[in-house]
Every structure is written in structure tokens, then in C-alpha cells.
Amino acid sequence: MSWLYIALLAVAVVLVAGAEWPRLGERFGADSRRSRQRARRKASLRVVHDDEADEFAASVERDLANLPTIDDRERRNS
């Protein structure tokens, strides 16, 4: 194999990689990783239906009541 054939083969590989880069970027790029992670997070979410709405509202109120708060006196002293 002469150096000409090796150079032509290298040019062909570069051309194919350049032509396929957008498709490879979608599959292996940083954006694809974020979209896969987002899809995984979204898969664990669920819709709260009307029959569960009261229970959900009560749990939100309980969570809000359990949050730590700062009194006005503490805020002025800080």
C-alpha cells in the first residue's frame, strides 16, 4: 500500500465523519445527554387527578407548615 492510498483513505474517513457529524452529535453530544436525563426525570412524574387533588393540597399545606421561618425580631437583629 502506498502513501497515496493511505492519504485517500484518511480523506474518505474525514469526509464521512464530517457528513455524519450532525447525526452523531445528536446521539452522542452533550444535548443528547441532557435530553436523556430529562426524559428519565419526566418518566417518574405523574398527573394528580381530581380525586387525589384534596389529598395533594393537604400534603402541600403540611409541607409549607413544616418549613422553617424567621420571626420579624430575628430578622431585625440580623
N, C-alpha and C. Protein backbone atom coordinates (compact mmCIF):
# COMPACT_ATOMS: atom_id res chain seq x y z
N MET A 1 0.84 -1.17 0.00
CA MET A 1 0.00 0.00 0.00
C MET A 1 0.89 1.23 0.00
N SER A 2 0.63 2.10 -0.90
CA SER A 2 1.47 3.29 -0.98
C SER A 2 0.87 4.41 -0.13
N TRP A 3 1.63 5.44 0.05
CA TRP A 3 1.19 6.57 0.86
C TRP A 3 0.00 7.27 0.23
N LEU A 4 -0.17 7.20 -1.09
CA LEU A 4 -1.31 7.82 -1.77
C LEU A 4 -2.62 7.15 -1.35
N TYR A 5 -2.62 5.82 -1.30
CA TYR A 5 -3.82 5.11 -0.87
C TYR A 5 -4.16 5.39 0.59
N ILE A 6 -3.17 5.49 1.41
CA ILE A 6 -3.39 5.80 2.83
C ILE A 6 -3.96 7.20 2.97
N ALA A 7 -3.42 8.16 2.19
CA ALA A 7 -3.93 9.53 2.24
C ALA A 7 -5.36 9.59 1.73
N LEU A 8 -5.68 8.88 0.66
CA LEU A 8 -7.05 8.85 0.15
C LEU A 8 -8.01 8.21 1.14
N LEU A 9 -7.57 7.17 1.80
CA LEU A 9 -8.39 6.53 2.82
C LEU A 9 -8.65 7.48 3.99
N ALA A 10 -7.63 8.21 4.40
CA ALA A 10 -7.79 9.18 5.50
C ALA A 10 -8.76 10.29 5.10
N VAL A 11 -8.66 10.78 3.86
CA VAL A 11 -9.57 11.82 3.39
C VAL A 11 -11.00 11.29 3.34
N ALA A 12 -11.18 10.06 2.91
CA ALA A 12 -12.51 9.47 2.86
C ALA A 12 -13.11 9.34 4.25
N VAL A 13 -12.30 8.94 5.23
CA VAL A 13 -12.78 8.82 6.61
C VAL A 13 -13.19 10.19 7.14
N VAL A 14 -12.39 11.21 6.85
CA VAL A 14 -12.72 12.57 7.31
C VAL A 14 -14.00 13.06 6.65
N LEU A 15 -14.19 12.81 5.38
CA LEU A 15 -15.40 13.22 4.68
C LEU A 15 -16.65 12.53 5.24
N VAL A 16 -16.55 11.25 5.49
CA VAL A 16 -17.70 10.52 6.04
C VAL A 16 -18.01 11.03 7.45
N ALA A 17 -16.99 11.23 8.25
CA ALA A 17 -17.22 11.74 9.60
C ALA A 17 -17.82 13.14 9.55
N GLY A 18 -17.36 13.98 8.64
CA GLY A 18 -17.92 15.32 8.50
C GLY A 18 -19.37 15.31 8.05
N ALA A 19 -19.70 14.40 7.14
CA ALA A 19 -21.07 14.30 6.64
C ALA A 19 -22.01 13.75 7.71
N GLU A 20 -21.54 12.86 8.54
CA GLU A 20 -22.37 12.24 9.56
C GLU A 20 -22.32 12.96 10.91
N TRP A 21 -21.57 14.02 11.01
CA TRP A 21 -21.39 14.69 12.30
C TRP A 21 -22.69 15.16 12.93
N PRO A 22 -23.63 15.79 12.20
CA PRO A 22 -24.87 16.21 12.86
C PRO A 22 -25.63 15.05 13.49
N ARG A 23 -25.69 13.92 12.79
CA ARG A 23 -26.39 12.77 13.36
C ARG A 23 -25.64 12.20 14.54
N LEU A 24 -24.32 12.14 14.46
CA LEU A 24 -23.53 11.65 15.59
C LEU A 24 -23.63 12.59 16.78
N GLY A 25 -23.68 13.89 16.51
CA GLY A 25 -23.80 14.87 17.59
C GLY A 25 -25.11 14.74 18.33
N GLU A 26 -26.20 14.43 17.60
CA GLU A 26 -27.49 14.24 18.25
C GLU A 26 -27.47 13.03 19.18
N ARG A 27 -26.78 11.99 18.77
CA ARG A 27 -26.78 10.76 19.56
C ARG A 27 -25.78 10.79 20.71
N PHE A 28 -24.59 11.38 20.48
CA PHE A 28 -23.52 11.29 21.46
C PHE A 28 -23.13 12.63 22.07
N GLY A 29 -23.75 13.73 21.69
CA GLY A 29 -23.35 15.04 22.16
C GLY A 29 -23.89 15.36 23.54
N ALA A 30 -23.55 16.55 24.02
CA ALA A 30 -23.99 16.98 25.36
C ALA A 30 -25.50 17.21 25.40
N ASP A 31 -26.08 17.69 24.31
CA ASP A 31 -27.52 17.92 24.29
C ASP A 31 -28.29 16.61 24.41
N SER A 32 -27.77 15.57 23.82
CA SER A 32 -28.47 14.29 23.91
C SER A 32 -28.43 13.75 25.33
N ARG A 33 -27.34 13.98 26.02
CA ARG A 33 -27.25 13.51 27.40
C ARG A 33 -28.26 14.24 28.28
N ARG A 34 -28.37 15.57 28.08
CA ARG A 34 -29.37 16.33 28.85
C ARG A 34 -30.78 15.88 28.53
N SER A 35 -31.07 15.61 27.27
CA SER A 35 -32.42 15.19 26.91
C SER A 35 -32.72 13.80 27.47
N ARG A 36 -31.74 12.91 27.51
CA ARG A 36 -31.97 11.59 28.11
C ARG A 36 -32.21 11.72 29.61
N GLN A 37 -31.44 12.58 30.28
CA GLN A 37 -31.65 12.77 31.72
C GLN A 37 -33.02 13.39 31.99
N ARG A 38 -33.43 14.34 31.15
CA ARG A 38 -34.74 14.97 31.31
C ARG A 38 -35.84 13.95 31.10
N ALA A 39 -35.69 13.09 30.10
CA ALA A 39 -36.69 12.05 29.85
C ALA A 39 -36.80 11.10 31.02
N ARG A 40 -35.66 10.77 31.65
CA ARG A 40 -35.69 9.90 32.83
C ARG A 40 -36.42 10.57 33.99
N ARG A 41 -36.16 11.87 34.18
CA ARG A 41 -36.85 12.59 35.26
C ARG A 41 -38.34 12.68 34.98
N LYS A 42 -38.70 12.97 33.74
CA LYS A 42 -40.12 13.10 33.39
C LYS A 42 -40.86 11.78 33.52
N ALA A 43 -40.18 10.68 33.33
CA ALA A 43 -40.83 9.37 33.41
C ALA A 43 -41.32 9.08 34.82
N SER A 44 -40.69 9.68 35.82
CA SER A 44 -41.10 9.42 37.20
C SER A 44 -42.21 10.36 37.67
N LEU A 45 -42.58 11.36 36.88
CA LEU A 45 -43.64 12.28 37.25
C LEU A 45 -45.00 11.66 36.96
N ARG A 46 -46.02 12.14 37.66
CA ARG A 46 -47.36 11.65 37.37
C ARG A 46 -48.35 12.78 37.54
N VAL A 47 -49.49 12.67 36.90
CA VAL A 47 -50.53 13.69 36.94
C VAL A 47 -51.42 13.42 38.14
N VAL A 48 -51.74 14.48 38.87
CA VAL A 48 -52.64 14.36 40.01
C VAL A 48 -54.06 14.59 39.49
N HIS A 49 -54.91 13.60 39.65
CA HIS A 49 -56.29 13.67 39.16
C HIS A 49 -57.18 14.33 40.20
N ASP A 50 -58.42 14.64 39.82
CA ASP A 50 -59.34 15.36 40.69
C ASP A 50 -59.60 14.62 42.00
N ASP A 51 -59.69 13.30 41.96
CA ASP A 51 -59.97 12.56 43.19
C ASP A 51 -58.79 12.59 44.17
N GLU A 52 -57.60 12.89 43.68
CA GLU A 52 -56.42 12.98 44.54
C GLU A 52 -56.07 14.43 44.88
N ALA A 53 -56.81 15.40 44.33
CA ALA A 53 -56.45 16.81 44.47
C ALA A 53 -56.52 17.27 45.92
N ASP A 54 -57.52 16.84 46.67
CA ASP A 54 -57.65 17.27 48.07
C ASP A 54 -56.51 16.73 48.92
N GLU A 55 -56.16 15.48 48.69
CA GLU A 55 -55.05 14.87 49.43
C GLU A 55 -53.73 15.57 49.09
N PHE A 56 -53.56 15.90 47.81
CA PHE A 56 -52.35 16.60 47.38
C PHE A 56 -52.28 17.99 48.00
N ALA A 57 -53.40 18.72 48.01
CA ALA A 57 -53.42 20.06 48.59
C ALA A 57 -53.12 20.00 50.08
N ALA A 58 -53.64 18.99 50.76
CA ALA A 58 -53.37 18.85 52.20
C ALA A 58 -51.89 18.56 52.44
N SER A 59 -51.28 17.74 51.59
CA SER A 59 -49.87 17.43 51.79
C SER A 59 -49.00 18.65 51.51
N VAL A 60 -49.39 19.48 50.54
CA VAL A 60 -48.65 20.71 50.27
C VAL A 60 -48.76 21.66 51.45
N GLU A 61 -49.95 21.78 52.01
CA GLU A 61 -50.13 22.65 53.18
C GLU A 61 -49.30 22.15 54.37
N ARG A 62 -49.25 20.83 54.57
CA ARG A 62 -48.43 20.29 55.65
C ARG A 62 -46.95 20.60 55.42
N ASP A 63 -46.50 20.44 54.19
CA ASP A 63 -45.10 20.72 53.87
C ASP A 63 -44.78 22.20 54.09
N LEU A 64 -45.68 23.07 53.69
CA LEU A 64 -45.45 24.50 53.90
C LEU A 64 -45.45 24.87 55.38
N ALA A 65 -46.30 24.21 56.15
CA ALA A 65 -46.35 24.49 57.58
C ALA A 65 -45.07 24.02 58.28
N ASN A 66 -44.41 23.02 57.75
CA ASN A 66 -43.20 22.48 58.36
C ASN A 66 -41.93 23.22 57.95
N LEU A 67 -42.03 24.16 57.03
CA LEU A 67 -40.84 24.91 56.62
C LEU A 67 -40.38 25.83 57.74
N PRO A 68 -39.07 25.99 57.92
CA PRO A 68 -38.59 26.92 58.94
C PRO A 68 -38.85 28.36 58.51
N THR A 69 -39.19 29.17 59.48
CA THR A 69 -39.46 30.58 59.20
C THR A 69 -38.59 31.45 60.09
N ILE A 70 -38.49 32.73 59.73
CA ILE A 70 -37.72 33.70 60.50
C ILE A 70 -38.70 34.71 61.07
N ASP A 71 -38.66 34.89 62.39
CA ASP A 71 -39.51 35.89 63.01
C ASP A 71 -39.03 37.29 62.66
N ASP A 72 -39.94 38.25 62.78
CA ASP A 72 -39.56 39.63 62.49
C ASP A 72 -38.47 40.12 63.44
N ARG A 73 -38.53 39.70 64.71
CA ARG A 73 -37.50 40.13 65.66
C ARG A 73 -36.13 39.58 65.26
N GLU A 74 -36.08 38.33 64.84
CA GLU A 74 -34.81 37.74 64.40
C GLU A 74 -34.29 38.42 63.15
N ARG A 75 -35.19 38.81 62.28
CA ARG A 75 -34.80 39.45 61.03
C ARG A 75 -34.19 40.84 61.33
N ARG A 76 -34.77 41.56 62.29
CA ARG A 76 -34.25 42.89 62.64
C ARG A 76 -32.92 42.78 63.35
N ASN A 77 -32.70 41.73 64.15
CA ASN A 77 -31.46 41.57 64.88
C ASN A 77 -30.31 41.13 63.98
N SER A 78 -30.59 40.58 62.86
CA SER A 78 -29.53 40.07 61.97
C SER A 78 -28.80 41.15 61.26
